[in-house]
Amino acid sequence: MSDVLLKLQKVFNSTFDAQNFPITMNTGPDDIEGWDSLGHVTLASNIEQEFHVNLDVDELMEMENVGSIVRILEGKLGG
């Protein structure tokens, strides 16, 4: 598991109280209770704080599953 994915697991745990639900690259909104439009905004904010990045509107719209989030973050972090 990549460092980004491990760190992202912590963000998901705190955002959605999902400690018992391990995320994978294929995990999407249908898999996690609370990952609706408001949850998406909260998730994005928590990601920005944890990874010290700023996400633009296009990136927010691209965040369709964990894999796309990891890809976006790796691009921003130079990974």
PDB file of N, CA and C in Angstrom:
ATOM      1  N   MET A   1       0.853  -1.183   0.000  1.00  0.00           N
ATOM      2  CA  MET A   1       0.000   0.000   0.000  1.00  0.00           C
ATOM      3  C   MET A   1       0.892   1.237   0.000  1.00  0.00           C
ATOM      4  N   SER A   2       0.578   2.180  -0.864  1.00  0.00           N
ATOM      5  CA  SER A   2       1.411   3.376  -0.975  1.00  0.00           C
ATOM      6  C   SER A   2       1.256   4.256   0.263  1.00  0.00           C
ATOM      7  N   ASP A   3       2.251   5.111   0.471  1.00  0.00           N
ATOM      8  CA  ASP A   3       2.198   6.054   1.594  1.00  0.00           C
ATOM      9  C   ASP A   3       0.980   6.960   1.489  1.00  0.00           C
ATOM     10  N   VAL A   4       0.664   7.386   0.257  1.00  0.00           N
ATOM     11  CA  VAL A   4      -0.489   8.258   0.049  1.00  0.00           C
ATOM     12  C   VAL A   4      -1.762   7.516   0.447  1.00  0.00           C
ATOM     13  N   LEU A   5      -1.881   6.264   0.041  1.00  0.00           N
ATOM     14  CA  LEU A   5      -3.080   5.488   0.368  1.00  0.00           C
ATOM     15  C   LEU A   5      -3.200   5.251   1.871  1.00  0.00           C
ATOM     16  N   LEU A   6      -2.082   4.981   2.526  1.00  0.00           N
ATOM     17  CA  LEU A   6      -2.104   4.794   3.985  1.00  0.00           C
ATOM     18  C   LEU A   6      -2.556   6.064   4.698  1.00  0.00           C
ATOM     19  N   LYS A   7      -2.021   7.193   4.271  1.00  0.00           N
ATOM     20  CA  LYS A   7      -2.384   8.472   4.877  1.00  0.00           C
ATOM     21  C   LYS A   7      -3.847   8.811   4.565  1.00  0.00           C
ATOM     22  N   LEU A   8      -4.271   8.461   3.357  1.00  0.00           N
ATOM     23  CA  LEU A   8      -5.643   8.706   2.947  1.00  0.00           C
ATOM     24  C   LEU A   8      -6.616   7.857   3.771  1.00  0.00           C
ATOM     25  N   GLN A   9      -6.196   6.660   4.154  1.00  0.00           N
ATOM     26  CA  GLN A   9      -7.037   5.809   5.001  1.00  0.00           C
ATOM     27  C   GLN A   9      -7.368   6.531   6.303  1.00  0.00           C
ATOM     28  N   LYS A  10      -6.376   7.213   6.861  1.00  0.00           N
ATOM     29  CA  LYS A  10      -6.596   7.970   8.103  1.00  0.00           C
ATOM     30  C   LYS A  10      -7.608   9.092   7.886  1.00  0.00           C
ATOM     31  N   VAL A  11      -7.519   9.755   6.733  1.00  0.00           N
ATOM     32  CA  VAL A  11      -8.464  10.839   6.423  1.00  0.00           C
ATOM     33  C   VAL A  11      -9.879  10.274   6.304  1.00  0.00           C
ATOM     34  N   PHE A  12     -10.016   9.138   5.616  1.00  0.00           N
ATOM     35  CA  PHE A  12     -11.331   8.514   5.490  1.00  0.00           C
ATOM     36  C   PHE A  12     -11.856   8.092   6.861  1.00  0.00           C
ATOM     37  N   ASN A  13     -10.974   7.530   7.695  1.00  0.00           N
ATOM     38  CA  ASN A  13     -11.388   7.106   9.038  1.00  0.00           C
ATOM     39  C   ASN A  13     -11.978   8.273   9.816  1.00  0.00           C
ATOM     40  N   SER A  14     -11.299   9.411   9.794  1.00  0.00           N
ATOM     41  CA  SER A  14     -11.776  10.557  10.575  1.00  0.00           C
ATOM     42  C   SER A  14     -12.977  11.233   9.921  1.00  0.00           C
ATOM     43  N   THR A  15     -13.016  11.266   8.607  1.00  0.00           N
ATOM     44  CA  THR A  15     -14.107  11.945   7.913  1.00  0.00           C
ATOM     45  C   THR A  15     -15.415  11.169   8.015  1.00  0.00           C
ATOM     46  N   PHE A  16     -15.328   9.858   7.800  1.00  0.00           N
ATOM     47  CA  PHE A  16     -16.544   9.044   7.722  1.00  0.00           C
ATOM     48  C   PHE A  16     -16.691   8.054   8.873  1.00  0.00           C
ATOM     49  N   ASP A  17     -15.848   8.174   9.884  1.00  0.00           N
ATOM     50  CA  ASP A  17     -15.888   7.242  11.010  1.00  0.00           C
ATOM     51  C   ASP A  17     -15.872   5.807  10.489  1.00  0.00           C
ATOM     52  N   ALA A  18     -14.912   5.531   9.609  1.00  0.00           N
ATOM     53  CA  ALA A  18     -14.859   4.247   8.899  1.00  0.00           C
ATOM     54  C   ALA A  18     -13.671   3.403   9.344  1.00  0.00           C
ATOM     55  N   GLN A  19     -13.394   3.363  10.627  1.00  0.00           N
ATOM     56  CA  GLN A  19     -12.227   2.634  11.129  1.00  0.00           C
ATOM     57  C   GLN A  19     -12.230   1.170  10.739  1.00  0.00           C
ATOM     58  N   ASN A  20     -13.376   0.566  10.620  1.00  0.00           N
ATOM     59  CA  ASN A  20     -13.440  -0.857  10.311  1.00  0.00           C
ATOM     60  C   ASN A  20     -13.607  -1.131   8.830  1.00  0.00           C
ATOM     61  N   PHE A  21     -13.433  -0.126   7.997  1.00  0.00           N
ATOM     62  CA  PHE A  21     -13.607  -0.291   6.561  1.00  0.00           C
ATOM     63  C   PHE A  21     -12.329   0.102   5.838  1.00  0.00           C
ATOM     64  N   PRO A  22     -11.517  -0.879   5.472  1.00  0.00           N
ATOM     65  CA  PRO A  22     -10.293  -0.540   4.739  1.00  0.00           C
ATOM     66  C   PRO A  22     -10.623  -0.083   3.316  1.00  0.00           C
ATOM     67  N   ILE A  23     -10.046   1.021   2.922  1.00  0.00           N
ATOM     68  CA  ILE A  23     -10.280   1.512   1.570  1.00  0.00           C
ATOM     69  C   ILE A  23      -9.314   0.851   0.602  1.00  0.00           C
ATOM     70  N   THR A  24      -9.740   0.749  -0.649  1.00  0.00           N
ATOM     71  CA  THR A  24      -8.900   0.259  -1.734  1.00  0.00           C
ATOM     72  C   THR A  24      -8.936   1.299  -2.846  1.00  0.00           C
ATOM     73  N   MET A  25      -8.162   1.079  -3.879  1.00  0.00           N
ATOM     74  CA  MET A  25      -8.144   2.016  -5.000  1.00  0.00           C
ATOM     75  C   MET A  25      -9.516   2.091  -5.681  1.00  0.00           C
ATOM     76  N   ASN A  26     -10.342   1.064  -5.522  1.00  0.00           N
ATOM     77  CA  ASN A  26     -11.654   1.022  -6.167  1.00  0.00           C
ATOM     78  C   ASN A  26     -12.786   1.518  -5.278  1.00  0.00           C
ATOM     79  N   THR A  27     -12.499   1.855  -4.028  1.00  0.00           N
ATOM     80  CA  THR A  27     -13.542   2.323  -3.116  1.00  0.00           C
ATOM     81  C   THR A  27     -14.119   3.636  -3.633  1.00  0.00           C
ATOM     82  N   GLY A  28     -15.449   3.697  -3.679  1.00  0.00           N
ATOM     83  CA  GLY A  28     -16.121   4.903  -4.156  1.00  0.00           C
ATOM     84  C   GLY A  28     -17.235   5.326  -3.222  1.00  0.00           C
ATOM     85  N   PRO A  29     -17.952   6.377  -3.597  1.00  0.00           N
ATOM     86  CA  PRO A  29     -19.011   6.906  -2.747  1.00  0.00           C
ATOM     87  C   PRO A  29     -20.099   5.884  -2.398  1.00  0.00           C
ATOM     88  N   ASP A  30     -20.371   4.958  -3.289  1.00  0.00           N
ATOM     89  CA  ASP A  30     -21.404   3.951  -3.007  1.00  0.00           C
ATOM     90  C   ASP A  30     -20.969   2.969  -1.927  1.00  0.00           C
ATOM     91  N   ASP A  31     -19.670   2.925  -1.645  1.00  0.00           N
ATOM     92  CA  ASP A  31     -19.132   1.965  -0.683  1.00  0.00           C
ATOM     93  C   ASP A  31     -19.066   2.506   0.743  1.00  0.00           C
ATOM     94  N   ILE A  32     -19.145   3.818   0.903  1.00  0.00           N
ATOM     95  CA  ILE A  32     -18.951   4.429   2.226  1.00  0.00           C
ATOM     96  C   ILE A  32     -20.152   5.303   2.575  1.00  0.00           C
ATOM     97  N   GLU A  33     -20.783   4.950   3.678  1.00  0.00           N
ATOM     98  CA  GLU A  33     -21.920   5.728   4.155  1.00  0.00           C
ATOM     99  C   GLU A  33     -21.450   7.139   4.508  1.00  0.00           C
ATOM    100  N   GLY A  34     -22.157   8.115   3.998  1.00  0.00           N
ATOM    101  CA  GLY A  34     -21.818   9.501   4.279  1.00  0.00           C
ATOM    102  C   GLY A  34     -21.011  10.177   3.184  1.00  0.00           C
ATOM    103  N   TRP A  35     -20.530   9.382   2.195  1.00  0.00           N
ATOM    104  CA  TRP A  35     -19.773   9.995   1.096  1.00  0.00           C
ATOM    105  C   TRP A  35     -20.768  10.469   0.042  1.00  0.00           C
ATOM    106  N   ASP A  36     -21.503  11.502   0.410  1.00  0.00           N
ATOM    107  CA  ASP A  36     -22.441  12.153  -0.485  1.00  0.00           C
ATOM    108  C   ASP A  36     -21.836  13.503  -0.866  1.00  0.00           C
ATOM    109  N   SER A  37     -22.643  14.411  -1.390  1.00  0.00           N
ATOM    110  CA  SER A  37     -22.077  15.689  -1.841  1.00  0.00           C
ATOM    111  C   SER A  37     -21.472  16.486  -0.685  1.00  0.00           C
ATOM    112  N   LEU A  38     -22.130  16.522   0.451  1.00  0.00           N
ATOM    113  CA  LEU A  38     -21.578  17.231   1.608  1.00  0.00           C
ATOM    114  C   LEU A  38     -20.357  16.487   2.149  1.00  0.00           C
ATOM    115  N   GLY A  39     -20.438  15.178   2.210  1.00  0.00           N
ATOM    116  CA  GLY A  39     -19.300  14.374   2.652  1.00  0.00           C
ATOM    117  C   GLY A  39     -18.097  14.549   1.748  1.00  0.00           C
ATOM    118  N   HIS A  40     -18.352  14.738   0.456  1.00  0.00           N
ATOM    119  CA  HIS A  40     -17.270  14.933  -0.513  1.00  0.00           C
ATOM    120  C   HIS A  40     -16.520  16.232  -0.217  1.00  0.00           C
ATOM    121  N   VAL A  41     -17.269  17.273   0.100  1.00  0.00           N
ATOM    122  CA  VAL A  41     -16.656  18.571   0.424  1.00  0.00           C
ATOM    123  C   VAL A  41     -15.843  18.455   1.720  1.00  0.00           C
ATOM    124  N   THR A  42     -16.406  17.777   2.711  1.00  0.00           N
ATOM    125  CA  THR A  42     -15.695  17.569   3.976  1.00  0.00           C
ATOM    126  C   THR A  42     -14.441  16.741   3.753  1.00  0.00           C
ATOM    127  N   LEU A  43     -14.558  15.686   2.960  1.00  0.00           N
ATOM    128  CA  LEU A  43     -13.406  14.842   2.627  1.00  0.00           C
ATOM    129  C   LEU A  43     -12.314  15.671   1.954  1.00  0.00           C
ATOM    130  N   ALA A  44     -12.694  16.475   0.978  1.00  0.00           N
ATOM    131  CA  ALA A  44     -11.722  17.306   0.264  1.00  0.00           C
ATOM    132  C   ALA A  44     -11.017  18.265   1.211  1.00  0.00           C
ATOM    133  N   SER A  45     -11.763  18.876   2.093  1.00  0.00           N
ATOM    134  CA  SER A  45     -11.168  19.799   3.060  1.00  0.00           C
ATOM    135  C   SER A  45     -10.178  19.065   3.968  1.00  0.00           C
ATOM    136  N   ASN A  46     -10.561  17.897   4.429  1.00  0.00           N
ATOM    137  CA  ASN A  46      -9.671  17.119   5.296  1.00  0.00           C
ATOM    138  C   ASN A  46      -8.427  16.642   4.548  1.00  0.00           C
ATOM    139  N   ILE A  47      -8.579  16.308   3.283  1.00  0.00           N
ATOM    140  CA  ILE A  47      -7.427  15.919   2.452  1.00  0.00           C
ATOM    141  C   ILE A  47      -6.472  17.105   2.317  1.00  0.00           C
ATOM    142  N   GLU A  48      -7.031  18.279   2.048  1.00  0.00           N
ATOM    143  CA  GLU A  48      -6.192  19.477   1.910  1.00  0.00           C
ATOM    144  C   GLU A  48      -5.395  19.736   3.182  1.00  0.00           C
ATOM    145  N   GLN A  49      -6.034  19.575   4.322  1.00  0.00           N
ATOM    146  CA  GLN A  49      -5.343  19.812   5.599  1.00  0.00           C
ATOM    147  C   GLN A  49      -4.276  18.752   5.856  1.00  0.00           C
ATOM    148  N   GLU A  50      -4.599  17.502   5.622  1.00  0.00           N
ATOM    149  CA  GLU A  50      -3.666  16.407   5.923  1.00  0.00           C
ATOM    150  C   GLU A  50      -2.449  16.407   4.999  1.00  0.00           C
ATOM    151  N   PHE A  51      -2.684  16.696   3.711  1.00  0.00           N
ATOM    152  CA  PHE A  51      -1.603  16.618   2.730  1.00  0.00           C
ATOM    153  C   PHE A  51      -0.992  17.978   2.415  1.00  0.00           C
ATOM    154  N   HIS A  52      -1.525  19.058   2.999  1.00  0.00           N
ATOM    155  CA  HIS A  52      -1.024  20.413   2.772  1.00  0.00           C
ATOM    156  C   HIS A  52      -1.019  20.758   1.284  1.00  0.00           C
ATOM    157  N   VAL A  53      -2.188  20.536   0.656  1.00  0.00           N
ATOM    158  CA  VAL A  53      -2.379  20.857  -0.760  1.00  0.00           C
ATOM    159  C   VAL A  53      -3.667  21.648  -0.901  1.00  0.00           C
ATOM    160  N   ASN A  54      -3.821  22.267  -2.063  1.00  0.00           N
ATOM    161  CA  ASN A  54      -5.073  22.920  -2.422  1.00  0.00           C
ATOM    162  C   ASN A  54      -5.650  22.184  -3.621  1.00  0.00           C
ATOM    163  N   LEU A  55      -6.920  21.827  -3.532  1.00  0.00           N
ATOM    164  CA  LEU A  55      -7.597  21.142  -4.625  1.00  0.00           C
ATOM    165  C   LEU A  55      -8.479  22.141  -5.352  1.00  0.00           C
ATOM    166  N   ASP A  56      -8.392  22.160  -6.692  1.00  0.00           N
ATOM    167  CA  ASP A  56      -9.252  23.063  -7.448  1.00  0.00           C
ATOM    168  C   ASP A  56     -10.553  22.342  -7.816  1.00  0.00           C
ATOM    169  N   VAL A  57     -11.479  23.073  -8.396  1.00  0.00           N
ATOM    170  CA  VAL A  57     -12.806  22.534  -8.702  1.00  0.00           C
ATOM    171  C   VAL A  57     -12.713  21.329  -9.633  1.00  0.00           C
ATOM    172  N   ASP A  58     -11.866  21.403 -10.647  1.00  0.00           N
ATOM    173  CA  ASP A  58     -11.721  20.277 -11.572  1.00  0.00           C
ATOM    174  C   ASP A  58     -11.238  19.025 -10.844  1.00  0.00           C
ATOM    175  N   GLU A  59     -10.303  19.196  -9.932  1.00  0.00           N
ATOM    176  CA  GLU A  59      -9.797  18.061  -9.158  1.00  0.00           C
ATOM    177  C   GLU A  59     -10.884  17.479  -8.258  1.00  0.00           C
ATOM    178  N   LEU A  60     -11.682  18.344  -7.656  1.00  0.00           N
ATOM    179  CA  LEU A  60     -12.791  17.874  -6.818  1.00  0.00           C
ATOM    180  C   LEU A  60     -13.760  17.027  -7.634  1.00  0.00           C
ATOM    181  N   MET A  61     -14.009  17.435  -8.855  1.00  0.00           N
ATOM    182  CA  MET A  61     -14.935  16.698  -9.718  1.00  0.00           C
ATOM    183  C   MET A  61     -14.323  15.384 -10.204  1.00  0.00           C
ATOM    184  N   GLU A  62     -12.997  15.331 -10.305  1.00  0.00           N
ATOM    185  CA  GLU A  62     -12.305  14.107 -10.726  1.00  0.00           C
ATOM    186  C   GLU A  62     -12.242  13.065  -9.621  1.00  0.00           C
ATOM    187  N   MET A  63     -12.493  13.463  -8.399  1.00  0.00           N
ATOM    188  CA  MET A  63     -12.373  12.559  -7.249  1.00  0.00           C
ATOM    189  C   MET A  63     -13.574  11.615  -7.192  1.00  0.00           C
ATOM    190  N   GLU A  64     -13.602  10.643  -8.110  1.00  0.00           N
ATOM    191  CA  GLU A  64     -14.732   9.721  -8.215  1.00  0.00           C
ATOM    192  C   GLU A  64     -14.556   8.472  -7.359  1.00  0.00           C
ATOM    193  N   ASN A  65     -13.313   8.156  -7.025  1.00  0.00           N
ATOM    194  CA  ASN A  65     -13.027   7.004  -6.162  1.00  0.00           C
ATOM    195  C   ASN A  65     -11.657   7.220  -5.530  1.00  0.00           C
ATOM    196  N   VAL A  66     -11.260   6.309  -4.675  1.00  0.00           N
ATOM    197  CA  VAL A  66      -9.979   6.460  -3.970  1.00  0.00           C
ATOM    198  C   VAL A  66      -8.818   6.494  -4.961  1.00  0.00           C
ATOM    199  N   GLY A  67      -8.877   5.664  -5.993  1.00  0.00           N
ATOM    200  CA  GLY A  67      -7.800   5.641  -6.992  1.00  0.00           C
ATOM    201  C   GLY A  67      -7.583   6.992  -7.643  1.00  0.00           C
ATOM    202  N   SER A  68      -8.668   7.681  -7.983  1.00  0.00           N
ATOM    203  CA  SER A  68      -8.517   9.000  -8.605  1.00  0.00           C
ATOM    204  C   SER A  68      -7.976  10.017  -7.607  1.00  0.00           C
ATOM    205  N   ILE A  69      -8.349   9.881  -6.338  1.00  0.00           N
ATOM    206  CA  ILE A  69      -7.818  10.777  -5.311  1.00  0.00           C
ATOM    207  C   ILE A  69      -6.320  10.558  -5.151  1.00  0.00           C
ATOM    208  N   VAL A  70      -5.895   9.301  -5.109  1.00  0.00           N
ATOM    209  CA  VAL A  70      -4.470   8.980  -4.986  1.00  0.00           C
ATOM    210  C   VAL A  70      -3.713   9.549  -6.176  1.00  0.00           C
ATOM    211  N   ARG A  71      -4.254   9.387  -7.381  1.00  0.00           N
ATOM    212  CA  ARG A  71      -3.595   9.893  -8.598  1.00  0.00           C
ATOM    213  C   ARG A  71      -3.429  11.416  -8.523  1.00  0.00           C
ATOM    214  N   ILE A  72      -4.476  12.117  -8.098  1.00  0.00           N
ATOM    215  CA  ILE A  72      -4.424  13.577  -7.970  1.00  0.00           C
ATOM    216  C   ILE A  72      -3.369  13.982  -6.945  1.00  0.00           C
ATOM    217  N   LEU A  73      -3.381  13.313  -5.793  1.00  0.00           N
ATOM    218  CA  LEU A  73      -2.436  13.663  -4.724  1.00  0.00           C
ATOM    219  C   LEU A  73      -1.001  13.355  -5.126  1.00  0.00           C
ATOM    220  N   GLU A  74      -0.772  12.215  -5.763  1.00  0.00           N
ATOM    221  CA  GLU A  74       0.581  11.884  -6.203  1.00  0.00           C
ATOM    222  C   GLU A  74       1.095  12.916  -7.200  1.00  0.00           C
ATOM    223  N   GLY A  75       0.202  13.412  -8.070  1.00  0.00           N
ATOM    224  CA  GLY A  75       0.589  14.456  -9.019  1.00  0.00           C
ATOM    225  C   GLY A  75       0.968  15.746  -8.312  1.00  0.00           C
ATOM    226  N   LYS A  76       0.223  16.090  -7.275  1.00  0.00           N
ATOM    227  CA  LYS A  76       0.511  17.317  -6.516  1.00  0.00           C
ATOM    228  C   LYS A  76       1.751  17.186  -5.645  1.00  0.00           C
ATOM    229  N   LEU A  77       1.995  15.972  -5.154  1.00  0.00           N
ATOM    230  CA  LEU A  77       3.105  15.747  -4.240  1.00  0.00           C
ATOM    231  C   LEU A  77       4.375  15.302  -4.965  1.00  0.00           C
ATOM    232  N   GLY A  78       4.280  15.185  -6.277  1.00  0.00           N
ATOM    233  CA  GLY A  78       5.444  14.774  -7.048  1.00  0.00           C
ATOM    234  C   GLY A  78       5.752  13.299  -6.910  1.00  0.00           C
ATOM    235  N   GLY A  79       4.740  12.509  -6.586  1.00  0.00           N
ATOM    236  CA  GLY A  79       4.946  11.089  -6.392  1.00  0.00           C
ATOM    237  C   GLY A  79       4.645  10.326  -7.604  1.00  0.00           C
TER     238      GLY A  79
END
